[in-house]
Amino acid sequence: MGRGSPEGEIKMSKKLGESVLKRVHIISRKDEWAIKKEGASRASKIYQKKETAIKQAQKLRKTGYDVIVHKKDGSVQKWETPRKK
């Protein structure tokens, strides 16, 4: 894992000794956009518009998730961390 490479890091919760992934990705699926939690095998939801998927993912950001928005080619467009209270 390289230094300064957020892709190689995993956020962990120390509650009850369990590790919990706290990232959600907005990814392209054909002509649609999907919200997929990191570690999940399937997308949580599919949307027609990227903007709609981002708005829905912001709800998860408020609960402590990083939101990683990808471009159509799969590269990272934007990485948003949870808002501080």
PDB file of N, CA and C in Angstrom:
ATOM      1  N   MET A   1       0.844  -1.182   0.000  1.00  0.00           N
ATOM      2  CA  MET A   1       0.000   0.000   0.000  1.00  0.00           C
ATOM      3  C   MET A   1       0.883   1.237   0.000  1.00  0.00           C
ATOM      4  N   GLY A   2       0.733   2.042  -1.003  1.00  0.00           N
ATOM      5  CA  GLY A   2       1.553   3.225  -1.133  1.00  0.00           C
ATOM      6  C   GLY A   2       1.102   4.346  -0.227  1.00  0.00           C
ATOM      7  N   ARG A   3       2.030   5.176   0.128  1.00  0.00           N
ATOM      8  CA  ARG A   3       1.693   6.323   0.961  1.00  0.00           C
ATOM      9  C   ARG A   3       0.884   7.302   0.144  1.00  0.00           C
ATOM     10  N   GLY A   4      -0.113   7.885   0.768  1.00  0.00           N
ATOM     11  CA  GLY A   4      -0.942   8.870   0.094  1.00  0.00           C
ATOM     12  C   GLY A   4      -1.940   8.258  -0.878  1.00  0.00           C
ATOM     13  N   SER A   5      -2.126   6.960  -0.838  1.00  0.00           N
ATOM     14  CA  SER A   5      -3.055   6.286  -1.740  1.00  0.00           C
ATOM     15  C   SER A   5      -4.312   5.891  -0.983  1.00  0.00           C
ATOM     16  N   PRO A   6      -5.390   6.708  -1.057  1.00  0.00           N
ATOM     17  CA  PRO A   6      -6.602   6.386  -0.292  1.00  0.00           C
ATOM     18  C   PRO A   6      -7.263   5.094  -0.748  1.00  0.00           C
ATOM     19  N   GLU A   7      -6.999   4.657  -1.991  1.00  0.00           N
ATOM     20  CA  GLU A   7      -7.611   3.427  -2.486  1.00  0.00           C
ATOM     21  C   GLU A   7      -7.126   2.215  -1.697  1.00  0.00           C
ATOM     22  N   GLY A   8      -5.925   2.288  -1.151  1.00  0.00           N
ATOM     23  CA  GLY A   8      -5.358   1.161  -0.435  1.00  0.00           C
ATOM     24  C   GLY A   8      -5.731   1.120   1.038  1.00  0.00           C
ATOM     25  N   GLU A   9      -6.422   2.128   1.509  1.00  0.00           N
ATOM     26  CA  GLU A   9      -6.771   2.195   2.919  1.00  0.00           C
ATOM     27  C   GLU A   9      -8.181   1.669   3.155  1.00  0.00           C
ATOM     28  N   ILE A  10      -8.412   1.117   4.324  1.00  0.00           N
ATOM     29  CA  ILE A  10      -9.749   0.665   4.706  1.00  0.00           C
ATOM     30  C   ILE A  10     -10.085   1.329   6.030  1.00  0.00           C
ATOM     31  N   LYS A  11     -11.229   1.998   6.067  1.00  0.00           N
ATOM     32  CA  LYS A  11     -11.676   2.586   7.327  1.00  0.00           C
ATOM     33  C   LYS A  11     -12.261   1.471   8.176  1.00  0.00           C
ATOM     34  N   MET A  12     -11.941   1.488   9.438  1.00  0.00           N
ATOM     35  CA  MET A  12     -12.450   0.444  10.324  1.00  0.00           C
ATOM     36  C   MET A  12     -13.091   1.056  11.553  1.00  0.00           C
ATOM     37  N   SER A  13     -14.145   0.431  11.990  1.00  0.00           N
ATOM     38  CA  SER A  13     -14.799   0.822  13.228  1.00  0.00           C
ATOM     39  C   SER A  13     -14.326  -0.128  14.311  1.00  0.00           C
ATOM     40  N   LYS A  14     -13.960   0.411  15.440  1.00  0.00           N
ATOM     41  CA  LYS A  14     -13.459  -0.423  16.529  1.00  0.00           C
ATOM     42  C   LYS A  14     -14.588  -0.906  17.438  1.00  0.00           C
ATOM     43  N   LYS A  15     -15.826  -0.548  17.131  1.00  0.00           N
ATOM     44  CA  LYS A  15     -16.954  -0.974  17.953  1.00  0.00           C
ATOM     45  C   LYS A  15     -17.087  -2.493  17.902  1.00  0.00           C
ATOM     46  N   LEU A  16     -17.114  -3.096  19.048  1.00  0.00           N
ATOM     47  CA  LEU A  16     -17.300  -4.538  19.188  1.00  0.00           C
ATOM     48  C   LEU A  16     -16.272  -5.346  18.415  1.00  0.00           C
ATOM     49  N   GLY A  17     -15.125  -4.724  18.063  1.00  0.00           N
ATOM     50  CA  GLY A  17     -14.060  -5.447  17.385  1.00  0.00           C
ATOM     51  C   GLY A  17     -14.361  -5.798  15.940  1.00  0.00           C
ATOM     52  N   GLU A  18     -15.380  -5.202  15.345  1.00  0.00           N
ATOM     53  CA  GLU A  18     -15.736  -5.509  13.963  1.00  0.00           C
ATOM     54  C   GLU A  18     -15.129  -4.472  13.030  1.00  0.00           C
ATOM     55  N   SER A  19     -14.692  -4.919  11.842  1.00  0.00           N
ATOM     56  CA  SER A  19     -14.239  -3.959  10.842  1.00  0.00           C
ATOM     57  C   SER A  19     -15.407  -3.695   9.897  1.00  0.00           C
ATOM     58  N   VAL A  20     -15.615  -2.417   9.594  1.00  0.00           N
ATOM     59  CA  VAL A  20     -16.756  -2.026   8.781  1.00  0.00           C
ATOM     60  C   VAL A  20     -16.260  -1.102   7.668  1.00  0.00           C
ATOM     61  N   LEU A  21     -16.554  -1.453   6.427  1.00  0.00           N
ATOM     62  CA  LEU A  21     -16.219  -0.575   5.315  1.00  0.00           C
ATOM     63  C   LEU A  21     -17.198   0.581   5.315  1.00  0.00           C
ATOM     64  N   LYS A  22     -16.687   1.778   5.168  1.00  0.00           N
ATOM     65  CA  LYS A  22     -17.531   2.959   5.230  1.00  0.00           C
ATOM     66  C   LYS A  22     -17.351   3.793   3.964  1.00  0.00           C
ATOM     67  N   ARG A  23     -17.481   3.152   2.817  1.00  0.00           N
ATOM     68  CA  ARG A  23     -17.373   3.858   1.542  1.00  0.00           C
ATOM     69  C   ARG A  23     -18.506   3.419   0.636  1.00  0.00           C
ATOM     70  N   VAL A  24     -18.983   4.369  -0.138  1.00  0.00           N
ATOM     71  CA  VAL A  24     -19.993   4.066  -1.140  1.00  0.00           C
ATOM     72  C   VAL A  24     -19.505   4.673  -2.456  1.00  0.00           C
ATOM     73  N   HIS A  25     -19.664   3.926  -3.536  1.00  0.00           N
ATOM     74  CA  HIS A  25     -19.179   4.343  -4.849  1.00  0.00           C
ATOM     75  C   HIS A  25     -20.352   4.629  -5.788  1.00  0.00           C
ATOM     76  N   ILE A  26     -20.205   5.673  -6.587  1.00  0.00           N
ATOM     77  CA  ILE A  26     -21.136   5.958  -7.679  1.00  0.00           C
ATOM     78  C   ILE A  26     -20.411   5.508  -8.941  1.00  0.00           C
ATOM     79  N   ILE A  27     -20.941   4.461  -9.594  1.00  0.00           N
ATOM     80  CA  ILE A  27     -20.263   3.878 -10.747  1.00  0.00           C
ATOM     81  C   ILE A  27     -21.189   3.789 -11.952  1.00  0.00           C
ATOM     82  N   SER A  28     -20.585   3.796 -13.124  1.00  0.00           N
ATOM     83  CA  SER A  28     -21.335   3.697 -14.373  1.00  0.00           C
ATOM     84  C   SER A  28     -21.700   2.240 -14.641  1.00  0.00           C
ATOM     85  N   ARG A  29     -22.945   2.022 -15.034  1.00  0.00           N
ATOM     86  CA  ARG A  29     -23.432   0.700 -15.434  1.00  0.00           C
ATOM     87  C   ARG A  29     -24.195   0.874 -16.744  1.00  0.00           C
ATOM     88  N   LYS A  30     -23.532   0.569 -17.851  1.00  0.00           N
ATOM     89  CA  LYS A  30     -24.105   0.787 -19.187  1.00  0.00           C
ATOM     90  C   LYS A  30     -24.492   2.253 -19.311  1.00  0.00           C
ATOM     91  N   ASP A  31     -25.748   2.580 -19.505  1.00  0.00           N
ATOM     92  CA  ASP A  31     -26.181   3.977 -19.633  1.00  0.00           C
ATOM     93  C   ASP A  31     -26.834   4.479 -18.350  1.00  0.00           C
ATOM     94  N   GLU A  32     -26.528   3.817 -17.234  1.00  0.00           N
ATOM     95  CA  GLU A  32     -27.108   4.196 -15.952  1.00  0.00           C
ATOM     96  C   GLU A  32     -25.991   4.369 -14.924  1.00  0.00           C
ATOM     97  N   TRP A  33     -26.384   4.783 -13.714  1.00  0.00           N
ATOM     98  CA  TRP A  33     -25.435   4.999 -12.626  1.00  0.00           C
ATOM     99  C   TRP A  33     -25.894   4.231 -11.400  1.00  0.00           C
ATOM    100  N   ALA A  34     -24.948   3.579 -10.727  1.00  0.00           N
ATOM    101  CA  ALA A  34     -25.275   2.730  -9.587  1.00  0.00           C
ATOM    102  C   ALA A  34     -24.602   3.242  -8.322  1.00  0.00           C
ATOM    103  N   ILE A  35     -25.279   3.036  -7.193  1.00  0.00           N
ATOM    104  CA  ILE A  35     -24.682   3.244  -5.875  1.00  0.00           C
ATOM    105  C   ILE A  35     -24.302   1.859  -5.373  1.00  0.00           C
ATOM    106  N   LYS A  36     -23.034   1.711  -5.031  1.00  0.00           N
ATOM    107  CA  LYS A  36     -22.552   0.415  -4.539  1.00  0.00           C
ATOM    108  C   LYS A  36     -21.693   0.627  -3.297  1.00  0.00           C
ATOM    109  N   LYS A  37     -22.076  -0.006  -2.209  1.00  0.00           N
ATOM    110  CA  LYS A  37     -21.273   0.060  -0.987  1.00  0.00           C
ATOM    111  C   LYS A  37     -20.034  -0.805  -1.180  1.00  0.00           C
ATOM    112  N   GLU A  38     -18.898  -0.292  -0.690  1.00  0.00           N
ATOM    113  CA  GLU A  38     -17.647  -1.031  -0.825  1.00  0.00           C
ATOM    114  C   GLU A  38     -17.747  -2.363  -0.103  1.00  0.00           C
ATOM    115  N   GLY A  39     -17.348  -3.413  -0.782  1.00  0.00           N
ATOM    116  CA  GLY A  39     -17.410  -4.755  -0.220  1.00  0.00           C
ATOM    117  C   GLY A  39     -18.660  -5.516  -0.627  1.00  0.00           C
ATOM    118  N   ALA A  40     -19.661  -4.814  -1.140  1.00  0.00           N
ATOM    119  CA  ALA A  40     -20.905  -5.467  -1.573  1.00  0.00           C
ATOM    120  C   ALA A  40     -20.697  -6.100  -2.949  1.00  0.00           C
ATOM    121  N   SER A  41     -21.392  -7.174  -3.216  1.00  0.00           N
ATOM    122  CA  SER A  41     -21.269  -7.820  -4.520  1.00  0.00           C
ATOM    123  C   SER A  41     -22.222  -7.204  -5.550  1.00  0.00           C
ATOM    124  N   ARG A  42     -23.254  -6.516  -5.062  1.00  0.00           N
ATOM    125  CA  ARG A  42     -24.240  -5.921  -5.975  1.00  0.00           C
ATOM    126  C   ARG A  42     -24.482  -4.461  -5.608  1.00  0.00           C
ATOM    127  N   ALA A  43     -24.948  -3.720  -6.598  1.00  0.00           N
ATOM    128  CA  ALA A  43     -25.288  -2.312  -6.374  1.00  0.00           C
ATOM    129  C   ALA A  43     -26.528  -2.221  -5.497  1.00  0.00           C
ATOM    130  N   SER A  44     -26.594  -1.176  -4.677  1.00  0.00           N
ATOM    131  CA  SER A  44     -27.756  -0.945  -3.825  1.00  0.00           C
ATOM    132  C   SER A  44     -28.937  -0.442  -4.633  1.00  0.00           C
ATOM    133  N   LYS A  45     -28.644   0.422  -5.603  1.00  0.00           N
ATOM    134  CA  LYS A  45     -29.709   1.062  -6.388  1.00  0.00           C
ATOM    135  C   LYS A  45     -29.121   1.544  -7.707  1.00  0.00           C
ATOM    136  N   ILE A  46     -29.952   1.563  -8.753  1.00  0.00           N
ATOM    137  CA  ILE A  46     -29.551   2.030 -10.087  1.00  0.00           C
ATOM    138  C   ILE A  46     -30.388   3.262 -10.423  1.00  0.00           C
ATOM    139  N   TYR A  47     -29.738   4.270 -11.008  1.00  0.00           N
ATOM    140  CA  TYR A  47     -30.412   5.519 -11.381  1.00  0.00           C
ATOM    141  C   TYR A  47     -30.140   5.845 -12.846  1.00  0.00           C
ATOM    142  N   GLN A  48     -31.074   6.557 -13.464  1.00  0.00           N
ATOM    143  CA  GLN A  48     -30.919   6.980 -14.846  1.00  0.00           C
ATOM    144  C   GLN A  48     -29.882   8.096 -14.977  1.00  0.00           C
ATOM    145  N   LYS A  49     -29.824   8.981 -13.977  1.00  0.00           N
ATOM    146  CA  LYS A  49     -28.925  10.140 -14.028  1.00  0.00           C
ATOM    147  C   LYS A  49     -27.881  10.067 -12.923  1.00  0.00           C
ATOM    148  N   LYS A  50     -26.672  10.469 -13.267  1.00  0.00           N
ATOM    149  CA  LYS A  50     -25.575  10.498 -12.301  1.00  0.00           C
ATOM    150  C   LYS A  50     -25.890  11.451 -11.155  1.00  0.00           C
ATOM    151  N   GLU A  51     -26.469  12.589 -11.472  1.00  0.00           N
ATOM    152  CA  GLU A  51     -26.789  13.591 -10.454  1.00  0.00           C
ATOM    153  C   GLU A  51     -27.746  13.036  -9.398  1.00  0.00           C
ATOM    154  N   THR A  52     -28.702  12.236  -9.820  1.00  0.00           N
ATOM    155  CA  THR A  52     -29.660  11.633  -8.890  1.00  0.00           C
ATOM    156  C   THR A  52     -28.951  10.645  -7.964  1.00  0.00           C
ATOM    157  N   ALA A  53     -28.058   9.850  -8.530  1.00  0.00           N
ATOM    158  CA  ALA A  53     -27.296   8.889  -7.716  1.00  0.00           C
ATOM    159  C   ALA A  53     -26.441   9.621  -6.679  1.00  0.00           C
ATOM    160  N   ILE A  54     -25.826  10.723  -7.086  1.00  0.00           N
ATOM    161  CA  ILE A  54     -24.992  11.500  -6.156  1.00  0.00           C
ATOM    162  C   ILE A  54     -25.841  12.067  -5.024  1.00  0.00           C
ATOM    163  N   LYS A  55     -27.010  12.607  -5.354  1.00  0.00           N
ATOM    164  CA  LYS A  55     -27.888  13.162  -4.315  1.00  0.00           C
ATOM    165  C   LYS A  55     -28.286  12.093  -3.306  1.00  0.00           C
ATOM    166  N   GLN A  56     -28.594  10.912  -3.781  1.00  0.00           N
ATOM    167  CA  GLN A  56     -28.987   9.833  -2.878  1.00  0.00           C
ATOM    168  C   GLN A  56     -27.803   9.378  -2.024  1.00  0.00           C
ATOM    169  N   ALA A  57     -26.615   9.346  -2.601  1.00  0.00           N
ATOM    170  CA  ALA A  57     -25.420   8.929  -1.862  1.00  0.00           C
ATOM    171  C   ALA A  57     -25.067   9.932  -0.769  1.00  0.00           C
ATOM    172  N   GLN A  58     -25.439  11.193  -0.960  1.00  0.00           N
ATOM    173  CA  GLN A  58     -25.159  12.217   0.057  1.00  0.00           C
ATOM    174  C   GLN A  58     -25.864  11.890   1.375  1.00  0.00           C
ATOM    175  N   LYS A  59     -26.982  11.184   1.310  1.00  0.00           N
ATOM    176  CA  LYS A  59     -27.676  10.765   2.529  1.00  0.00           C
ATOM    177  C   LYS A  59     -26.796   9.809   3.331  1.00  0.00           C
ATOM    178  N   LEU A  60     -26.077   8.929   2.632  1.00  0.00           N
ATOM    179  CA  LEU A  60     -25.165   8.008   3.307  1.00  0.00           C
ATOM    180  C   LEU A  60     -23.959   8.752   3.856  1.00  0.00           C
ATOM    181  N   ARG A  61     -23.527   9.784   3.154  1.00  0.00           N
ATOM    182  CA  ARG A  61     -22.400  10.597   3.623  1.00  0.00           C
ATOM    183  C   ARG A  61     -22.713  11.202   4.995  1.00  0.00           C
ATOM    184  N   LYS A  62     -23.954  11.605   5.178  1.00  0.00           N
ATOM    185  CA  LYS A  62     -24.366  12.187   6.462  1.00  0.00           C
ATOM    186  C   LYS A  62     -24.331  11.162   7.588  1.00  0.00           C
ATOM    187  N   THR A  63     -24.348   9.877   7.245  1.00  0.00           N
ATOM    188  CA  THR A  63     -24.300   8.826   8.266  1.00  0.00           C
ATOM    189  C   THR A  63     -22.892   8.271   8.454  1.00  0.00           C
ATOM    190  N   GLY A  64     -21.891   8.917   7.836  1.00  0.00           N
ATOM    191  CA  GLY A  64     -20.508   8.529   8.087  1.00  0.00           C
ATOM    192  C   GLY A  64     -19.780   7.855   6.943  1.00  0.00           C
ATOM    193  N   TYR A  65     -20.391   7.753   5.783  1.00  0.00           N
ATOM    194  CA  TYR A  65     -19.744   7.120   4.633  1.00  0.00           C
ATOM    195  C   TYR A  65     -18.944   8.131   3.821  1.00  0.00           C
ATOM    196  N   ASP A  66     -17.790   7.682   3.273  1.00  0.00           N
ATOM    197  CA  ASP A  66     -17.123   8.417   2.206  1.00  0.00           C
ATOM    198  C   ASP A  66     -17.941   8.168   0.939  1.00  0.00           C
ATOM    199  N   VAL A  67     -18.068   9.184   0.097  1.00  0.00           N
ATOM    200  CA  VAL A  67     -18.744   9.021  -1.194  1.00  0.00           C
ATOM    201  C   VAL A  67     -17.694   9.211  -2.281  1.00  0.00           C
ATOM    202  N   ILE A  68     -17.481   8.166  -3.077  1.00  0.00           N
ATOM    203  CA  ILE A  68     -16.509   8.216  -4.155  1.00  0.00           C
ATOM    204  C   ILE A  68     -17.277   8.200  -5.471  1.00  0.00           C
ATOM    205  N   VAL A  69     -17.181   9.306  -6.212  1.00  0.00           N
ATOM    206  CA  VAL A  69     -17.875   9.457  -7.494  1.00  0.00           C
ATOM    207  C   VAL A  69     -16.882   9.114  -8.596  1.00  0.00           C
ATOM    208  N   HIS A  70     -17.271   8.197  -9.464  1.00  0.00           N
ATOM    209  CA  HIS A  70     -16.417   7.776 -10.570  1.00  0.00           C
ATOM    210  C   HIS A  70     -16.886   8.391 -11.889  1.00  0.00           C
ATOM    211  N   LYS A  71     -15.943   8.552 -12.805  1.00  0.00           N
ATOM    212  CA  LYS A  71     -16.263   8.965 -14.177  1.00  0.00           C
ATOM    213  C   LYS A  71     -16.740   7.736 -14.929  1.00  0.00           C
ATOM    214  N   LYS A  72     -17.256   7.943 -16.117  1.00  0.00           N
ATOM    215  CA  LYS A  72     -17.749   6.828 -16.936  1.00  0.00           C
ATOM    216  C   LYS A  72     -16.643   5.805 -17.214  1.00  0.00           C
ATOM    217  N   ASP A  73     -15.383   6.270 -17.311  1.00  0.00           N
ATOM    218  CA  ASP A  73     -14.259   5.357 -17.583  1.00  0.00           C
ATOM    219  C   ASP A  73     -13.781   4.609 -16.336  1.00  0.00           C
ATOM    220  N   GLY A  74     -14.378   4.886 -15.169  1.00  0.00           N
ATOM    221  CA  GLY A  74     -14.040   4.187 -13.939  1.00  0.00           C
ATOM    222  C   GLY A  74     -13.065   4.926 -13.036  1.00  0.00           C
ATOM    223  N   SER A  75     -12.403   5.955 -13.558  1.00  0.00           N
ATOM    224  CA  SER A  75     -11.475   6.715 -12.717  1.00  0.00           C
ATOM    225  C   SER A  75     -12.255   7.565 -11.707  1.00  0.00           C
ATOM    226  N   VAL A  76     -11.586   7.965 -10.639  1.00  0.00           N
ATOM    227  CA  VAL A  76     -12.238   8.730  -9.575  1.00  0.00           C
ATOM    228  C   VAL A  76     -12.363  10.186 -10.006  1.00  0.00           C
ATOM    229  N   GLN A  77     -13.578  10.694  -9.946  1.00  0.00           N
ATOM    230  CA  GLN A  77     -13.862  12.096 -10.250  1.00  0.00           C
ATOM    231  C   GLN A  77     -13.778  12.940  -8.993  1.00  0.00           C
ATOM    232  N   LYS A  78     -14.378  12.424  -7.899  1.00  0.00           N
ATOM    233  CA  LYS A  78     -14.459  13.201  -6.659  1.00  0.00           C
ATOM    234  C   LYS A  78     -14.572  12.236  -5.480  1.00  0.00           C
ATOM    235  N   TRP A  79     -13.919  12.597  -4.373  1.00  0.00           N
ATOM    236  CA  TRP A  79     -13.953  11.786  -3.162  1.00  0.00           C
ATOM    237  C   TRP A  79     -14.385  12.701  -2.033  1.00  0.00           C
ATOM    238  N   GLU A  80     -15.549  12.447  -1.470  1.00  0.00           N
ATOM    239  CA  GLU A  80     -16.077  13.293  -0.390  1.00  0.00           C
ATOM    240  C   GLU A  80     -16.095  12.507   0.909  1.00  0.00           C
ATOM    241  N   THR A  81     -15.603  13.135   1.963  1.00  0.00           N
ATOM    242  CA  THR A  81     -15.592  12.494   3.270  1.00  0.00           C
ATOM    243  C   THR A  81     -16.831  12.944   4.048  1.00  0.00           C
ATOM    244  N   PRO A  82     -17.173  12.206   5.111  1.00  0.00           N
ATOM    245  CA  PRO A  82     -18.355  12.597   5.911  1.00  0.00           C
ATOM    246  C   PRO A  82     -18.207  14.006   6.460  1.00  0.00           C
ATOM    247  N   ARG A  83     -19.330  14.673   6.593  1.00  0.00           N
ATOM    248  CA  ARG A  83     -19.333  16.015   7.146  1.00  0.00           C
ATOM    249  C   ARG A  83     -19.088  15.975   8.638  1.00  0.00           C
ATOM    250  N   LYS A  84     -18.283  16.899   9.100  1.00  0.00           N
ATOM    251  CA  LYS A  84     -18.021  17.015  10.536  1.00  0.00           C
ATOM    252  C   LYS A  84     -19.172  17.767  11.181  1.00  0.00           C
ATOM    253  N   LYS A  85     -19.556  17.358  12.387  1.00  0.00           N
ATOM    254  CA  LYS A  85     -20.659  18.014  13.092  1.00  0.00           C
ATOM    255  C   LYS A  85     -20.164  19.180  13.890  1.00  0.00           C
TER     256      LYS A  85
END
